[in-house]
């Protein structure tokens, strides 16, 4: 993953204080990389999704690499919220493609497959079993649009 040239943005904890996600980004590619950990619940997925909306307001990332390699759990109760609340907002902020790395956990995979089916009607999304393949695909997406003056972060 060194080829991604990722810069850390921080982590978000779960209810017990353990790392739930690690957030990294590549400003040149306008990529947000979200690496998940632990047994996920719907509440935790919504929490991270809301935090990603806050990041999107300032960063306007175009590409999302969502890596659930180290996660388990069934979060399917959040699928409608993700499709009808989160997705329109994140797309309005500039998201235009998602590379999605499967968890090895079957319950998580079932929720991920349903998420994939819901999202693919709105924007390009691809499922992967490993992060290098996901990176290869996401970097072939069209280059991000140049930021306008209003989109550039204030110093």
C-alpha atoms as a PDB file:
ATOM      1  CA  UNK A   1       0.000   0.000   0.000  1.00  0.00           C
ATOM      2  CA  UNK A   2       3.031   2.302   0.081  1.00  0.00           C
ATOM      3  CA  UNK A   3       2.320   3.206  -3.538  1.00  0.00           C
ATOM      4  CA  UNK A   4      -0.826   4.945  -2.313  1.00  0.00           C
ATOM      5  CA  UNK A   5       1.224   7.618  -0.514  1.00  0.00           C
ATOM      6  CA  UNK A   6      -1.362   7.818   2.260  1.00  0.00           C
ATOM      7  CA  UNK A   7      -1.411  10.524   4.895  1.00  0.00           C
ATOM      8  CA  UNK A   8      -3.043   9.717   8.250  1.00  0.00           C
ATOM      9  CA  UNK A   9      -6.175  11.632   9.239  1.00  0.00           C
ATOM     10  CA  UNK A  10      -6.676   9.796  12.532  1.00  0.00           C
ATOM     11  CA  UNK A  11      -8.820   7.062  13.996  1.00  0.00           C
ATOM     12  CA  UNK A  12     -12.353   6.773  15.332  1.00  0.00           C
ATOM     13  CA  UNK A  13     -13.027   4.662  18.435  1.00  0.00           C
ATOM     14  CA  UNK A  14     -15.866   2.243  19.073  1.00  0.00           C
ATOM     15  CA  UNK A  15     -18.019   2.455  22.240  1.00  0.00           C
ATOM     16  CA  UNK A  16     -15.279   0.671  24.230  1.00  0.00           C
ATOM     17  CA  UNK A  17     -12.468   2.939  23.044  1.00  0.00           C
ATOM     18  CA  UNK A  18     -10.930   0.399  20.647  1.00  0.00           C
ATOM     19  CA  UNK A  19     -10.028   1.554  17.133  1.00  0.00           C
ATOM     20  CA  UNK A  20     -13.091   1.218  14.909  1.00  0.00           C
ATOM     21  CA  UNK A  21     -11.618   2.812  11.772  1.00  0.00           C
ATOM     22  CA  UNK A  22      -8.343   4.254  10.636  1.00  0.00           C
ATOM     23  CA  UNK A  23      -8.754   7.161   8.221  1.00  0.00           C
ATOM     24  CA  UNK A  24      -6.070   7.955   5.661  1.00  0.00           C
ATOM     25  CA  UNK A  25      -6.061   9.978   2.484  1.00  0.00           C
ATOM     26  CA  UNK A  26      -4.160  10.775  -0.651  1.00  0.00           C
ATOM     27  CA  UNK A  27      -4.734  14.449  -1.453  1.00  0.00           C
ATOM     28  CA  UNK A  28      -3.364  14.194  -5.014  1.00  0.00           C
ATOM     29  CA  UNK A  29      -5.858  11.446  -5.907  1.00  0.00           C
ATOM     30  CA  UNK A  30      -8.662  12.945  -3.789  1.00  0.00           C
ATOM     31  CA  UNK A  31      -8.877   9.503  -2.142  1.00  0.00           C
ATOM     32  CA  UNK A  32     -10.203   8.647   1.314  1.00  0.00           C
ATOM     33  CA  UNK A  33      -9.083   5.255   2.624  1.00  0.00           C
ATOM     34  CA  UNK A  34     -11.198   3.844   5.471  1.00  0.00           C
ATOM     35  CA  UNK A  35      -9.797   0.746   7.192  1.00  0.00           C
ATOM     36  CA  UNK A  36     -12.339  -0.933   9.522  1.00  0.00           C
ATOM     37  CA  UNK A  37     -11.611  -3.047  12.623  1.00  0.00           C
ATOM     38  CA  UNK A  38     -13.643  -5.257  14.967  1.00  0.00           C
ATOM     39  CA  UNK A  39     -17.203  -6.524  15.033  1.00  0.00           C
ATOM     40  CA  UNK A  40     -19.342  -3.874  13.340  1.00  0.00           C
ATOM     41  CA  UNK A  41     -22.851  -2.896  14.317  1.00  0.00           C
ATOM     42  CA  UNK A  42     -25.266  -0.678  12.449  1.00  0.00           C
ATOM     43  CA  UNK A  43     -24.727   2.070  15.000  1.00  0.00           C
ATOM     44  CA  UNK A  44     -20.982   2.062  14.363  1.00  0.00           C
ATOM     45  CA  UNK A  45     -21.400   2.108  10.589  1.00  0.00           C
ATOM     46  CA  UNK A  46     -23.725   5.126  10.824  1.00  0.00           C
ATOM     47  CA  UNK A  47     -21.266   6.863  13.173  1.00  0.00           C
ATOM     48  CA  UNK A  48     -18.390   6.434  10.696  1.00  0.00           C
ATOM     49  CA  UNK A  49     -20.607   7.395   7.740  1.00  0.00           C
ATOM     50  CA  UNK A  50     -21.584  10.636   9.496  1.00  0.00           C
ATOM     51  CA  UNK A  51     -17.937  11.383  10.230  1.00  0.00           C
ATOM     52  CA  UNK A  52     -17.103  10.782   6.551  1.00  0.00           C
ATOM     53  CA  UNK A  53     -19.687  13.424   5.629  1.00  0.00           C
ATOM     54  CA  UNK A  54     -17.876  15.903   7.870  1.00  0.00           C
ATOM     55  CA  UNK A  55     -14.588  15.067   6.140  1.00  0.00           C
ATOM     56  CA  UNK A  56     -16.236  15.421   2.745  1.00  0.00           C
ATOM     57  CA  UNK A  57     -17.292  19.009   3.538  1.00  0.00           C
ATOM     58  CA  UNK A  58     -13.627  20.060   3.727  1.00  0.00           C
ATOM     59  CA  UNK A  59     -11.779  17.535   1.573  1.00  0.00           C
ATOM     60  CA  UNK A  60     -14.180  16.879  -1.316  1.00  0.00           C
ATOM     61  CA  UNK A  61     -12.690  13.432  -1.908  1.00  0.00           C
ATOM     62  CA  UNK A  62     -13.754  11.827  -5.181  1.00  0.00           C
ATOM     63  CA  UNK A  63     -12.624   8.266  -4.440  1.00  0.00           C
ATOM     64  CA  UNK A  64     -13.343   6.014  -1.475  1.00  0.00           C
ATOM     65  CA  UNK A  65     -11.358   2.871  -0.678  1.00  0.00           C
ATOM     66  CA  UNK A  66     -13.463   1.093   1.955  1.00  0.00           C
ATOM     67  CA  UNK A  67     -11.442  -1.765   3.488  1.00  0.00           C
ATOM     68  CA  UNK A  68     -13.277  -4.252   5.727  1.00  0.00           C
ATOM     69  CA  UNK A  69     -10.490  -6.875   5.711  1.00  0.00           C
ATOM     70  CA  UNK A  70     -10.189  -6.684   9.522  1.00  0.00           C
ATOM     71  CA  UNK A  71     -13.894  -6.374  10.340  1.00  0.00           C
ATOM     72  CA  UNK A  72     -16.775  -8.723  11.098  1.00  0.00           C
ATOM     73  CA  UNK A  73     -20.442  -8.282  11.929  1.00  0.00           C
ATOM     74  CA  UNK A  74     -23.855  -7.714  10.396  1.00  0.00           C
ATOM     75  CA  UNK A  75     -24.732  -4.058   9.862  1.00  0.00           C
ATOM     76  CA  UNK A  76     -27.504  -4.617   7.302  1.00  0.00           C
ATOM     77  CA  UNK A  77     -30.096  -2.632   9.294  1.00  0.00           C
ATOM     78  CA  UNK A  78     -28.320   0.555   8.133  1.00  0.00           C
ATOM     79  CA  UNK A  79     -28.585  -0.109   4.392  1.00  0.00           C
ATOM     80  CA  UNK A  80     -31.629   2.085   3.760  1.00  0.00           C
ATOM     81  CA  UNK A  81     -30.084   4.968   5.708  1.00  0.00           C
ATOM     82  CA  UNK A  82     -26.831   4.584   3.760  1.00  0.00           C
ATOM     83  CA  UNK A  83     -28.641   4.569   0.409  1.00  0.00           C
ATOM     84  CA  UNK A  84     -31.142   7.358   1.008  1.00  0.00           C
ATOM     85  CA  UNK A  85     -29.361   9.643   3.490  1.00  0.00           C
ATOM     86  CA  UNK A  86     -25.584   9.147   3.343  1.00  0.00           C
ATOM     87  CA  UNK A  87     -25.076   8.380  -0.352  1.00  0.00           C
ATOM     88  CA  UNK A  88     -26.829  11.482  -1.792  1.00  0.00           C
ATOM     89  CA  UNK A  89     -24.920  13.737   0.614  1.00  0.00           C
ATOM     90  CA  UNK A  90     -21.502  12.178  -0.004  1.00  0.00           C
ATOM     91  CA  UNK A  91     -22.083  12.274  -3.778  1.00  0.00           C
ATOM     92  CA  UNK A  92     -23.156  15.922  -3.591  1.00  0.00           C
ATOM     93  CA  UNK A  93     -19.778  16.552  -1.954  1.00  0.00           C
ATOM     94  CA  UNK A  94     -17.949  15.011  -4.917  1.00  0.00           C
ATOM     95  CA  UNK A  95     -17.687  11.232  -4.345  1.00  0.00           C
ATOM     96  CA  UNK A  96     -17.752   9.433  -7.679  1.00  0.00           C
ATOM     97  CA  UNK A  97     -16.349   5.902  -7.135  1.00  0.00           C
ATOM     98  CA  UNK A  98     -15.969   3.304  -4.374  1.00  0.00           C
ATOM     99  CA  UNK A  99     -13.533   0.383  -4.201  1.00  0.00           C
ATOM    100  CA  UNK A 100     -14.840  -1.992  -1.543  1.00  0.00           C
ATOM    101  CA  UNK A 101     -12.676  -4.690   0.064  1.00  0.00           C
ATOM    102  CA  UNK A 102     -14.646  -7.597   1.541  1.00  0.00           C
ATOM    103  CA  UNK A 103     -14.419  -8.822   5.093  1.00  0.00           C
ATOM    104  CA  UNK A 104     -13.647 -12.553   5.435  1.00  0.00           C
ATOM    105  CA  UNK A 105     -16.754 -12.755   7.697  1.00  0.00           C
ATOM    106  CA  UNK A 106     -19.860 -14.139   5.926  1.00  0.00           C
ATOM    107  CA  UNK A 107     -22.365 -11.907   7.788  1.00  0.00           C
ATOM    108  CA  UNK A 108     -20.350  -8.837   6.863  1.00  0.00           C
ATOM    109  CA  UNK A 109     -20.086 -10.044   3.261  1.00  0.00           C
ATOM    110  CA  UNK A 110     -23.870 -10.404   2.965  1.00  0.00           C
ATOM    111  CA  UNK A 111     -24.405  -6.814   4.135  1.00  0.00           C
ATOM    112  CA  UNK A 112     -21.605  -5.685   1.809  1.00  0.00           C
ATOM    113  CA  UNK A 113     -23.198  -7.411  -1.188  1.00  0.00           C
ATOM    114  CA  UNK A 114     -26.508  -5.697  -0.500  1.00  0.00           C
ATOM    115  CA  UNK A 115     -24.711  -2.344  -0.104  1.00  0.00           C
ATOM    116  CA  UNK A 116     -23.003  -2.967  -3.460  1.00  0.00           C
ATOM    117  CA  UNK A 117     -26.339  -3.697  -5.172  1.00  0.00           C
ATOM    118  CA  UNK A 118     -27.886  -0.521  -3.783  1.00  0.00           C
ATOM    119  CA  UNK A 119     -24.937   1.778  -4.602  1.00  0.00           C
ATOM    120  CA  UNK A 120     -24.068   0.568  -8.095  1.00  0.00           C
ATOM    121  CA  UNK A 121     -27.155   2.187  -9.592  1.00  0.00           C
ATOM    122  CA  UNK A 122     -25.789   5.603  -8.525  1.00  0.00           C
ATOM    123  CA  UNK A 123     -22.022   5.459  -9.054  1.00  0.00           C
ATOM    124  CA  UNK A 124     -19.165   3.091  -9.971  1.00  0.00           C
ATOM    125  CA  UNK A 125     -18.435   0.585  -7.206  1.00  0.00           C
ATOM    126  CA  UNK A 126     -16.395  -2.610  -7.346  1.00  0.00           C
ATOM    127  CA  UNK A 127     -15.925  -5.432  -4.826  1.00  0.00           C
ATOM    128  CA  UNK A 128     -12.527  -6.952  -4.016  1.00  0.00           C
ATOM    129  CA  UNK A 129     -11.007  -9.618  -1.781  1.00  0.00           C
ATOM    130  CA  UNK A 130      -7.710  -7.753  -1.350  1.00  0.00           C
ATOM    131  CA  UNK A 131      -6.595  -4.156  -1.012  1.00  0.00           C
ATOM    132  CA  UNK A 132      -3.955  -4.100  -3.800  1.00  0.00           C
ATOM    133  CA  UNK A 133      -6.590  -5.107  -6.376  1.00  0.00           C
ATOM    134  CA  UNK A 134      -8.949  -2.435  -5.046  1.00  0.00           C
ATOM    135  CA  UNK A 135      -6.197   0.171  -5.325  1.00  0.00           C
ATOM    136  CA  UNK A 136      -5.452  -0.914  -8.927  1.00  0.00           C
ATOM    137  CA  UNK A 137      -9.102  -0.431  -9.868  1.00  0.00           C
ATOM    138  CA  UNK A 138      -9.735   2.846  -8.021  1.00  0.00           C
ATOM    139  CA  UNK A 139      -6.658   4.516  -9.467  1.00  0.00           C
ATOM    140  CA  UNK A 140      -7.965   3.801 -12.986  1.00  0.00           C
ATOM    141  CA  UNK A 141     -11.065   5.881 -12.326  1.00  0.00           C
ATOM    142  CA  UNK A 142     -11.113   9.212 -14.162  1.00  0.00           C
ATOM    143  CA  UNK A 143      -8.877  11.824 -12.531  1.00  0.00           C
ATOM    144  CA  UNK A 144     -10.545  14.131 -10.023  1.00  0.00           C
ATOM    145  CA  UNK A 145     -11.753  17.479 -11.200  1.00  0.00           C
ATOM    146  CA  UNK A 146      -9.556  20.421 -10.289  1.00  0.00           C
ATOM    147  CA  UNK A 147     -10.615  22.144  -7.101  1.00  0.00           C
ATOM    148  CA  UNK A 148     -12.169  25.541  -7.471  1.00  0.00           C
ATOM    149  CA  UNK A 149     -10.991  28.384  -5.257  1.00  0.00           C
ATOM    150  CA  UNK A 150     -13.964  27.862  -2.910  1.00  0.00           C
ATOM    151  CA  UNK A 151     -13.102  24.166  -2.475  1.00  0.00           C
ATOM    152  CA  UNK A 152      -9.491  24.669  -1.452  1.00  0.00           C
ATOM    153  CA  UNK A 153      -8.914  24.424   2.292  1.00  0.00           C
ATOM    154  CA  UNK A 154      -8.256  27.649   4.147  1.00  0.00           C
ATOM    155  CA  UNK A 155      -4.756  28.043   5.563  1.00  0.00           C
END
